[in-house]
Protein backbone atom coordinates (compact mmCIF):
# COMPACT_ATOMS: atom_id res chain seq x y z
CA GLU A 1 20.84 -3.03 -41.87
CA SER A 2 17.55 -4.60 -42.69
CA PRO A 3 15.68 -3.45 -45.95
CA GLN A 4 12.51 -4.31 -44.01
CA ASP A 5 13.27 -2.19 -40.98
CA SER A 6 10.32 0.23 -41.71
CA ALA A 7 7.89 -2.67 -41.83
CA ILE A 8 9.32 -4.37 -38.80
CA THR A 9 9.00 -1.16 -36.71
CA ARG A 10 5.35 -0.85 -38.01
CA ASP A 11 4.32 -4.39 -37.28
CA ILE A 12 5.78 -4.21 -33.79
CA ASN A 13 3.58 -1.62 -32.51
CA ARG A 14 0.60 -3.68 -33.65
CA THR A 15 1.85 -6.92 -32.00
CA PHE A 16 -0.04 -7.79 -28.81
CA PRO A 17 -0.63 -4.20 -28.02
CA ALA A 18 -2.72 -5.12 -24.97
CA HIS A 19 -0.09 -7.40 -23.31
CA ASP A 20 1.84 -5.84 -20.69
CA TYR A 21 5.29 -6.99 -22.05
CA PHE A 22 4.68 -5.45 -25.28
CA LYS A 23 2.42 -2.51 -24.84
CA ASP A 24 5.07 0.21 -24.00
CA THR A 25 6.54 1.88 -27.03
CA GLY A 26 10.37 1.41 -26.87
CA GLY A 27 10.05 -0.93 -23.79
CA ASP A 28 11.88 -4.03 -23.14
CA GLY A 29 9.31 -6.33 -25.04
CA GLN A 30 9.19 -4.27 -28.05
CA ASP A 31 13.04 -3.74 -28.15
CA SER A 32 13.71 -7.57 -27.85
CA LEU A 33 11.03 -8.20 -30.60
CA TYR A 34 12.60 -5.61 -32.98
CA LYS A 35 15.98 -7.44 -32.34
CA ILE A 36 14.69 -10.84 -33.33
CA CYS A 37 12.71 -9.84 -36.39
CA LYS A 38 15.60 -7.61 -37.64
CA ALA A 39 18.09 -10.49 -36.99
CA TYR A 40 15.93 -13.02 -38.97
CA SER A 41 15.37 -10.67 -41.80
CA VAL A 42 19.18 -10.32 -42.15
CA TYR A 43 19.63 -14.09 -41.54
CA ASP A 44 17.16 -15.38 -44.24
CA GLU A 45 17.98 -12.94 -47.17
CA GLU A 46 15.57 -15.11 -49.73
CA ILE A 47 12.41 -14.40 -47.49
CA GLY A 48 13.60 -11.72 -45.03
CA TYR A 49 10.85 -10.40 -42.81
CA CYS A 50 7.18 -11.12 -43.69
CA GLN A 51 4.08 -9.61 -42.09
CA GLY A 52 2.95 -11.85 -39.15
CA GLN A 53 6.36 -13.05 -38.06
CA SER A 54 6.30 -10.64 -35.12
CA PHE A 55 3.43 -12.49 -33.77
CA LEU A 56 5.34 -15.68 -33.61
CA ALA A 57 8.65 -14.31 -32.41
CA ALA A 58 6.52 -12.42 -29.49
CA VAL A 59 5.03 -15.96 -28.42
CA LEU A 60 8.45 -17.34 -28.34
CA LEU A 61 9.88 -14.29 -26.31
CA LEU A 62 7.13 -15.01 -23.46
CA HIS A 63 8.78 -18.24 -23.05
CA MET A 64 12.46 -18.01 -23.56
CA PRO A 65 15.48 -15.42 -23.60
CA GLU A 66 16.12 -13.54 -26.93
CA GLU A 67 18.89 -15.93 -28.24
CA GLN A 68 16.58 -19.09 -27.61
CA ALA A 69 13.63 -17.30 -29.30
CA PHE A 70 15.61 -16.49 -32.41
CA SER A 71 16.99 -20.01 -32.70
CA VAL A 72 13.47 -21.61 -32.21
CA LEU A 73 12.24 -19.12 -34.82
CA VAL A 74 14.82 -20.19 -37.44
CA LYS A 75 14.13 -24.11 -36.43
CA ILE A 76 10.40 -23.27 -37.10
CA MET A 77 11.12 -21.48 -40.36
CA PHE A 78 13.43 -23.87 -41.96
CA ASP A 79 13.16 -27.46 -40.29
CA TYR A 80 9.16 -27.28 -39.96
CA GLY A 81 8.73 -25.62 -43.45
CA LEU A 82 7.04 -22.43 -42.34
CA ARG A 83 9.26 -20.30 -44.73
CA GLU A 84 8.14 -22.39 -47.77
CA LEU A 85 4.65 -20.79 -47.37
CA PHE A 86 6.23 -17.49 -48.29
CA LYS A 87 8.09 -18.66 -51.41
CA GLN A 88 7.32 -18.74 -55.08
CA ASN A 89 4.56 -16.27 -54.74
CA PHE A 90 2.89 -18.27 -51.78
CA GLU A 91 2.52 -21.28 -53.81
CA ASP A 92 2.99 -23.71 -50.80
CA LEU A 93 0.30 -21.86 -48.95
CA HIS A 94 -2.18 -22.28 -51.72
CA CYS A 95 -1.35 -25.88 -51.56
CA LYS A 96 -2.37 -25.82 -47.79
CA PHE A 97 -5.52 -24.02 -48.67
CA TYR A 98 -6.35 -26.78 -51.31
CA GLN A 99 -5.53 -29.63 -48.52
CA LEU A 100 -7.82 -27.78 -46.08
CA GLU A 101 -10.66 -27.62 -48.67
CA ARG A 102 -10.23 -31.34 -49.59
CA LEU A 103 -10.26 -32.24 -45.95
CA MET A 104 -13.44 -30.22 -45.37
CA GLN A 105 -14.81 -32.01 -48.55
CA GLU A 106 -14.09 -35.41 -46.85
CA TYR A 107 -14.96 -34.80 -43.32
CA ILE A 108 -17.66 -31.85 -43.40
CA PRO A 109 -19.12 -32.10 -46.94
CA ASP A 110 -22.28 -30.03 -46.00
CA LEU A 111 -20.16 -27.08 -44.75
CA TYR A 112 -17.87 -27.37 -47.77
CA ASN A 113 -20.75 -27.10 -50.06
CA HIS A 114 -21.94 -24.23 -48.01
CA PHE A 115 -18.85 -22.42 -48.59
CA LEU A 116 -18.94 -23.15 -52.28
CA ASP A 117 -22.53 -21.70 -52.51
CA ILE A 118 -21.37 -18.50 -50.87
CA SER A 119 -18.07 -18.24 -52.67
CA LEU A 120 -16.00 -18.45 -49.46
CA GLU A 121 -12.69 -19.65 -50.44
CA ALA A 122 -10.01 -20.87 -47.86
CA HIS A 123 -7.61 -18.12 -48.44
CA MET A 124 -10.15 -15.73 -47.38
CA TYR A 125 -9.98 -16.87 -43.76
CA ALA A 126 -7.23 -19.28 -43.25
CA SER A 127 -4.16 -17.36 -44.49
CA GLN A 128 -3.58 -15.74 -41.18
CA TRP A 129 -3.78 -19.08 -39.58
CA PHE A 130 -0.99 -20.77 -41.49
CA LEU A 131 1.19 -17.77 -41.82
CA THR A 132 1.28 -16.87 -38.04
CA LEU A 133 0.50 -20.28 -36.71
CA PHE A 134 -2.64 -19.08 -35.16
CA THR A 135 -0.88 -16.64 -33.17
CA ALA A 136 -2.44 -13.21 -34.32
CA LYS A 137 -5.93 -13.98 -32.97
CA PHE A 138 -6.12 -16.90 -30.67
CA PRO A 139 -5.14 -17.15 -27.13
CA LEU A 140 -1.46 -17.75 -26.38
CA TYR A 141 -1.94 -21.06 -24.78
CA MET A 142 -3.54 -22.38 -28.01
CA VAL A 143 -1.21 -21.16 -30.59
CA PHE A 144 0.97 -24.33 -30.96
CA HIS A 145 -1.91 -26.66 -30.69
CA ILE A 146 -4.71 -25.70 -32.97
CA ILE A 147 -4.96 -27.35 -36.41
CA ASP A 148 -7.25 -27.47 -39.30
CA LEU A 149 -10.13 -29.13 -37.28
CA LEU A 150 -11.41 -25.88 -35.94
CA LEU A 151 -14.22 -26.08 -38.60
CA CYS A 152 -15.53 -29.41 -36.75
CA GLU A 153 -18.37 -29.60 -34.11
CA THR A 154 -20.24 -26.56 -32.77
CA SER A 155 -18.59 -24.23 -35.50
CA LYS A 156 -20.16 -26.16 -38.25
CA ASP A 157 -23.79 -25.48 -37.35
CA ASP A 158 -23.21 -21.96 -36.98
CA LEU A 159 -21.32 -21.59 -40.35
CA LEU A 160 -24.08 -23.41 -42.12
CA LEU A 161 -26.44 -20.49 -41.40
CA THR A 162 -24.16 -17.55 -42.46
CA ASP A 163 -23.67 -15.80 -45.60
CA PHE A 164 -20.26 -14.60 -47.11
CA GLU A 165 -19.87 -11.65 -44.80
CA GLY A 166 -21.06 -13.58 -41.78
CA ALA A 167 -18.70 -16.46 -42.41
CA LEU A 168 -15.79 -14.07 -42.64
CA LYS A 169 -16.73 -12.36 -39.42
CA PHE A 170 -16.99 -15.72 -37.72
CA PHE A 171 -13.46 -16.81 -38.61
CA ARG A 172 -11.98 -13.27 -37.78
CA VAL A 173 -14.01 -12.38 -34.63
CA GLN A 174 -16.24 -14.97 -33.14
CA LEU A 175 -14.12 -18.07 -33.37
CA PRO A 176 -11.03 -16.56 -31.59
CA LYS A 177 -13.37 -15.31 -29.00
CA ARG A 178 -14.97 -18.82 -28.47
CA TYR A 179 -11.82 -20.47 -27.46
CA ARG A 180 -10.37 -17.87 -25.17
CA SER A 181 -11.82 -20.06 -22.43
CA GLU A 182 -9.05 -22.46 -21.41
CA GLU A 183 -11.80 -25.34 -20.80
CA ASN A 184 -13.03 -24.91 -24.42
CA ALA A 185 -9.53 -24.67 -25.70
CA LYS A 186 -8.55 -28.04 -24.03
CA LYS A 187 -11.80 -29.66 -25.31
CA LEU A 188 -10.75 -28.22 -28.99
CA MET A 189 -7.15 -29.77 -28.60
CA GLU A 190 -8.38 -33.11 -27.37
CA LEU A 191 -10.69 -33.29 -30.38
CA ALA A 192 -7.89 -32.38 -32.66
CA CYS A 193 -5.50 -34.94 -31.12
CA ASN A 194 -8.22 -37.57 -31.43
CA MET A 195 -8.85 -36.94 -35.15
CA LYS A 196 -6.00 -38.63 -37.17
CA ILE A 197 -4.97 -37.24 -40.66
CA SER A 198 -2.15 -39.28 -42.23
CA GLN A 199 0.58 -37.75 -43.96
CA LYS A 200 -0.23 -40.06 -46.98
CA LYS A 201 -3.45 -38.35 -47.48
CA LEU A 202 -1.95 -34.98 -47.33
CA LYS A 203 0.66 -35.93 -49.81
CA LYS A 204 -2.04 -37.19 -51.93
CA TYR A 205 -3.92 -34.02 -51.81
CA GLU A 206 -0.64 -32.08 -52.49
CA LYS A 207 -0.14 -34.10 -55.46
CA GLU A 208 -3.63 -33.54 -56.79
CA TYR A 209 -3.08 -29.84 -56.17
CA HIS A 210 0.17 -29.69 -58.22
CA THR A 211 -1.38 -31.75 -60.95
CA MET A 212 -4.28 -29.49 -61.06
CA ARG A 213 -2.26 -26.52 -61.29
CA GLU A 214 -0.21 -28.02 -64.16
CA GLN A 215 -3.37 -28.92 -66.09
CA GLN A 216 -4.71 -25.38 -65.54
CA ALA A 217 -1.27 -23.94 -66.78
CA GLN A 218 -1.48 -25.90 -69.86
CA GLN A 219 -5.08 -25.40 -70.61
CA GLU A 220 -5.38 -21.85 -69.54
CA ASP A 221 -4.65 -18.99 -71.82
CA PRO A 222 -1.51 -17.00 -70.64
CA ILE A 223 -3.63 -13.71 -70.53
CA GLU A 224 -6.39 -15.46 -68.60
CA ARG A 225 -3.89 -16.87 -66.20
CA PHE A 226 -2.39 -13.47 -65.53
CA GLU A 227 -5.86 -11.88 -65.19
CA ARG A 228 -6.67 -14.73 -62.65
CA GLU A 229 -3.39 -14.30 -60.99
CA ASN A 230 -3.90 -10.45 -60.90
CA ARG A 231 -7.52 -11.10 -59.41
CA ARG A 232 -5.97 -13.40 -56.67
CA LEU A 233 -3.39 -11.08 -55.89
CA GLN A 234 -5.83 -8.05 -55.72
CA GLU A 235 -7.96 -10.26 -53.50
CA ALA A 236 -5.05 -11.12 -51.41
CA ASN A 237 -4.18 -7.43 -51.27
CA MET A 238 -7.74 -6.70 -50.20
CA ARG A 239 -7.43 -9.26 -47.49
CA LEU A 240 -3.98 -7.93 -46.15
CA GLU A 241 -5.58 -4.41 -46.37
CA GLN A 242 -8.53 -5.56 -44.32
CA GLU A 243 -6.31 -7.39 -41.82
CA ASN A 244 -4.37 -4.33 -41.63
CA ASP A 245 -7.28 -2.18 -40.91
CA ASP A 246 -8.38 -4.79 -38.10
CA LEU A 247 -4.97 -4.62 -36.55
CA ALA A 248 -4.94 -0.93 -36.80
CA HIS A 249 -8.34 -0.61 -35.30
CA GLU A 250 -7.17 -3.00 -32.51
CA LEU A 251 -4.22 -0.96 -31.98
CA VAL A 252 -6.17 2.27 -31.76
CA THR A 253 -8.73 0.64 -29.43
CA SER A 254 -5.95 -0.50 -27.20
CA LYS A 255 -4.23 2.81 -27.32
CA ILE A 256 -7.48 4.48 -26.41
CA ALA A 257 -8.00 1.95 -23.56
CA LEU A 258 -4.33 2.46 -22.30
CA ARG A 259 -4.72 6.18 -22.48
CA LYS A 260 -8.06 5.97 -20.55
CA ASP A 261 -6.06 3.70 -17.82
CA LEU A 262 -3.27 6.15 -18.00
CA ASP A 263 -5.55 9.00 -17.27
CA ASN A 264 -7.20 7.20 -14.41
CA ALA A 265 -4.01 6.39 -13.05
CA GLU A 266 -2.83 9.96 -13.20
CA GLU A 267 -6.08 10.96 -11.38
CA LYS A 268 -5.49 8.36 -8.74
CA ALA A 269 -1.86 9.57 -8.46
CA ASP A 270 -3.07 13.33 -8.26
CA ALA A 271 -5.54 12.09 -5.59
CA LEU A 272 -2.88 10.28 -3.65
CA ASN A 273 -0.48 13.30 -3.94
CA LYS A 274 -3.20 15.48 -2.56
CA GLU A 275 -3.91 13.12 0.19
CA LEU A 276 -0.22 12.86 0.89
CA LEU A 277 0.21 16.71 1.01
CA MET A 278 -2.91 16.77 3.50
CA THR A 279 -1.22 14.07 5.62
CA LYS A 280 1.97 15.86 5.70
CA GLN A 281 0.19 18.92 6.75
CA LYS A 282 -1.72 16.94 9.47
CA LEU A 283 1.71 15.66 10.62
CA ILE A 284 3.11 19.17 10.84
CA ASP A 285 0.14 20.36 12.69
CA ALA A 286 0.53 17.50 15.05
CA GLU A 287 4.05 18.24 15.62
CA GLU A 288 3.14 21.86 16.26
CA GLU A 289 0.48 20.44 18.72
CA LYS A 290 3.02 18.19 20.36
CA ARG A 291 5.60 20.98 20.89
CA ARG A 292 2.88 23.31 22.06
CA LEU A 293 1.75 20.68 24.70
CA GLU A 294 5.33 19.91 25.65
CA GLU A 295 5.91 23.46 26.26
CA GLU A 296 2.80 23.82 28.29
CA SER A 297 3.77 20.63 30.23
CA ALA A 298 7.02 22.02 30.85
CA GLN A 299 5.61 25.34 32.05
CA LEU A 300 3.11 23.44 34.11
CA LYS A 301 5.95 21.16 35.56
CA GLU A 302 8.00 24.39 36.42
CA MET A 303 4.96 26.08 38.10
CA CYS A 304 4.20 22.91 40.07
CA ARG A 305 8.01 22.63 40.98
CA ARG A 306 7.98 26.33 42.30
CA GLU A 307 4.83 25.81 44.24
CA LEU A 308 6.19 22.59 45.69
CA ASP A 309 9.47 24.32 46.52
CA LYS A 310 7.52 27.12 48.17
CA ALA A 311 5.39 24.73 50.19
CA GLU A 312 8.42 22.78 51.39
CA SER A 313 10.13 26.06 52.33
CA GLU A 314 6.97 27.01 54.35
CA ILE A 315 6.84 23.66 55.99
CA LYS A 316 10.51 23.91 56.94
CA LYS A 317 9.88 27.40 58.20
CA ASN A 318 6.81 26.26 60.23
CA SER A 319 8.60 23.25 61.43
CA SER A 320 11.56 25.54 62.54
CA ILE A 321 9.02 27.90 64.33
CA ILE A 322 7.37 24.88 66.03
CA GLY A 323 10.75 23.75 67.17
CA ASP A 324 11.75 26.99 68.38
CA TYR A 325 8.46 27.41 70.09
CA LYS A 326 8.62 23.85 71.86
CA GLN A 327 12.31 24.79 72.79
CA ILE A 328 11.35 28.14 74.34
CA CYS A 329 8.41 26.49 76.23
CA SER A 330 10.87 23.76 77.53
CA GLN A 331 13.19 26.40 78.55
CA LEU A 332 10.47 28.63 80.29
CA SER A 333 9.19 25.45 82.04
CA GLU A 334 12.72 24.61 83.25
CA ARG A 335 13.26 28.08 84.32
CA LEU A 336 9.84 28.15 86.12
CA GLU A 337 10.57 24.92 87.89
CA LYS A 338 14.00 25.98 88.88
CA GLN A 339 12.66 29.20 90.28
CA GLN A 340 9.85 27.50 92.14
CA THR A 341 12.30 25.15 93.51
CA ALA A 342 14.70 27.96 94.53
CA ASN A 343 11.85 29.87 96.20
CA LYS A 344 10.80 26.91 98.20
CA VAL A 345 14.26 26.34 99.26
CA GLU A 346 14.72 29.95 100.05
CA ILE A 347 11.37 30.17 101.88
CA GLU A 348 12.36 27.16 103.97
CA LYS A 349 15.58 28.59 105.15
CA ILE A 350 13.77 31.90 105.94
CA ARG A 351 11.16 29.82 107.84
CA GLN A 352 13.85 27.95 109.56
CA LYS A 353 15.69 31.14 110.68
CA VAL A 354 12.43 32.54 111.96
CA ASP A 355 11.68 29.38 113.76
CA ASP A 356 15.09 29.69 115.37
CA CYS A 357 14.74 33.29 116.33
CA GLU A 358 12.70 33.81 119.40
CA ARG A 359 12.00 37.51 118.57
CA CYS A 360 10.96 36.57 115.02
CA ARG A 361 8.45 34.01 116.34
CA GLU A 362 6.83 37.01 117.95
CA PHE A 363 6.07 38.52 114.66
CA PHE A 364 5.29 35.36 112.54
CA ASN A 365 2.66 32.77 112.99
CA LYS A 366 2.89 29.02 112.34
CA GLU A 367 2.16 29.57 108.46
CA GLY A 368 4.94 32.07 108.31
CA ARG A 369 2.82 35.03 107.79
CA ILE A 370 3.73 38.31 109.61
CA LYS A 371 1.26 38.63 112.62
CA GLY A 372 -0.76 42.07 112.29
CA VAL A 373 0.57 42.79 108.91
CA SER A 374 -2.12 41.05 106.97
CA SER A 375 -2.39 43.84 104.46
CA ALA A 376 1.27 43.77 103.34
CA GLN A 377 0.84 40.03 102.93
CA ASP A 378 -2.13 40.39 100.84
CA VAL A 379 -0.37 42.79 98.67
CA LEU A 380 2.48 40.44 98.43
CA ASP A 381 -0.08 37.62 97.56
CA GLU A 382 -1.66 39.87 94.98
CA ASP A 383 1.75 40.50 93.26
CA THR A 384 2.35 36.67 93.10
CA ASP A 385 -1.06 35.97 91.84
CA GLU A 386 -0.54 38.66 89.09
CA GLU A 387 2.74 37.24 88.08
CA LYS A 388 1.17 33.86 87.65
CA GLU A 389 -1.67 35.24 85.76
CA THR A 390 0.96 36.99 83.49
CA LEU A 391 2.70 33.71 83.04
CA LYS A 392 -0.56 31.88 82.38
CA ASN A 393 -1.46 34.59 79.68
CA GLN A 394 1.90 34.12 78.11
CA LEU A 395 1.40 30.42 78.06
CA ARG A 396 -1.94 30.47 76.61
CA GLU A 397 -0.59 32.95 73.95
CA MET A 398 2.16 30.61 73.20
CA GLU A 399 -0.40 27.73 72.87
CA LEU A 400 -2.50 29.71 70.60
CA GLU A 401 0.55 30.67 68.53
CA LEU A 402 1.14 26.84 68.49
CA ALA A 403 -2.27 26.01 67.37
CA GLN A 404 -2.05 28.61 64.54
CA THR A 405 1.30 27.21 63.32
CA LYS A 406 -0.24 23.70 63.21
CA LEU A 407 -3.28 24.97 61.35
CA GLN A 408 -0.94 26.70 58.76
CA LEU A 409 1.10 23.41 58.49
CA VAL A 410 -2.01 21.44 57.81
CA GLU A 411 -2.99 24.08 55.28
CA ALA A 412 0.36 23.73 53.67
CA GLU A 413 0.05 20.03 53.63
CA CYS A 414 -3.39 20.10 51.98
CA LYS A 415 -2.09 22.69 49.46
CA ILE A 416 0.77 20.33 48.59
CA GLN A 417 -1.58 17.38 48.25
CA ASP A 418 -3.87 19.75 45.76
CA LEU A 419 -0.76 20.81 43.81
CA GLU A 420 0.29 17.02 43.51
CA HIS A 421 -3.09 16.21 42.43
CA HIS A 422 -3.05 18.89 39.61
CA LEU A 423 0.48 17.92 38.61
CA GLY A 424 -0.88 14.09 38.14
CA LEU A 425 -3.80 15.42 35.96
CA ALA A 426 -1.58 17.50 34.00
CA LEU A 427 0.97 14.78 33.37
CA ASN A 428 -2.11 12.49 32.41
CA GLU A 429 -3.42 15.03 29.94
CA VAL A 430 -0.05 15.61 28.52
CA GLN A 431 0.52 11.67 28.20
CA ALA A 432 -3.16 11.50 26.58
CA ALA A 433 -2.27 14.24 24.36
CA LYS A 434 0.84 12.55 23.10
CA LYS A 435 -0.90 9.15 22.54
CA THR A 436 -3.73 10.83 20.67
CA TRP A 437 -1.37 12.77 18.36
CA PHE A 438 0.71 9.73 17.74
CA ASN A 439 -2.46 7.48 17.05
CA ARG A 440 -3.88 10.12 14.76
CA THR A 441 -0.63 10.55 13.03
CA LEU A 442 -0.03 6.72 12.55
CA SER A 443 -3.74 6.29 11.53
CA SER A 444 -3.09 9.02 8.74
CA ILE A 445 0.10 7.50 7.53
CA LYS A 446 -1.63 3.95 7.50
CA THR A 447 -4.41 5.30 5.69
CA ALA A 448 -2.39 6.97 3.09
CA THR A 449 -0.10 3.76 2.73
CA GLY A 450 -3.07 1.46 2.29
CA VAL A 451 -4.74 3.48 -0.27
CA GLN A 452 -1.71 3.72 -2.51
CA GLY A 453 -0.82 0.09 -2.49
CA LYS A 454 -4.38 -0.92 -3.30
CA GLU A 455 -4.18 1.57 -6.20
CA THR A 456 -0.67 0.15 -7.07
CA CYS A 457 -2.05 -3.53 -6.94
């Protein structure tokens, strides 16, 4: 167990709260960050966990797995001397402040004198830079490259015009914003790399600082030293409280923004759910319409099939009647021809017998008619004419019946063609209804799917 467990848990919620990997409470990012900070607090019993280490550990986690991040953190703290800043009541950190002020005095003396005039000391704005390696405020792609030369170039002119409060605001707010642009950050890193500061000079300043501290300790009254130390600690406490307030404000602001984004996402989700329900209802209605059209199509097909069967039956019946009529006419014609032939043969026989008989020739003339009995012959002729007229009338009636049958056949064929035309139209309507339903359903599904993606992206 780590004695700083509560402090670690509190700082984790304040570490990059707007970053996707660390914004979720209890998420993978915060869980890995908690493990690394707790592991280091157990590993380094002398220092343990100090406020600000979570930012450095979070930056490492964004580039490597947990095990490697922990190893690199230990390497930075021990081999690169970062843990020395936290030892002996931050004595080495104050040495860094002194080196920074001496560099400012050498390279930018006008800004150094301005800070003296407004009583702005290095520990008031640079403590977080050294303790977190610039990870707490500056963009992530700059955190391992920025050095003390941030006070050069354009920042210098701005700072010379500020008072105490304005200078602090510049270091805490304006300066990090200025270098969020990658182009400005690259220019700053190029400037930092081009400006050489030797280790010899830093060692000299370090020695000056320790000598100055020893002289102050020898000359200063213990009570005054304790009072000064107390004031320094109070100032550090106020600074840390201010930083804590800033981090808390940033956390609250981030949570409010996240809550707003979450509310917007929930509203969009509700809208998408409503649209999905509407789409489902449209799909159900379309399916009902499809079933109704299919039923109507089936009924129409059945009706057309019955009418077609009926028409075919009538055609077959009419064809049968026409065939029977033709057969009867043919039989009657054959019978008439046979009867006429038989009558002619019989007449010829009788005429031949009459010609052979001398007595009969007295009663019959050359045309075969009875002499003096013309009235009887006229009667016989009239009977024969009536029989012919009867046959003619029967023939005309049969021809009329045949004409009527042909007319019924033509009407049946026209009706069949009309039914086939209606059937084709009905099939086209069914097909068009199916296509319309399918296109409308597909369009609704595509619309719903398109809106959800865009909203997910």
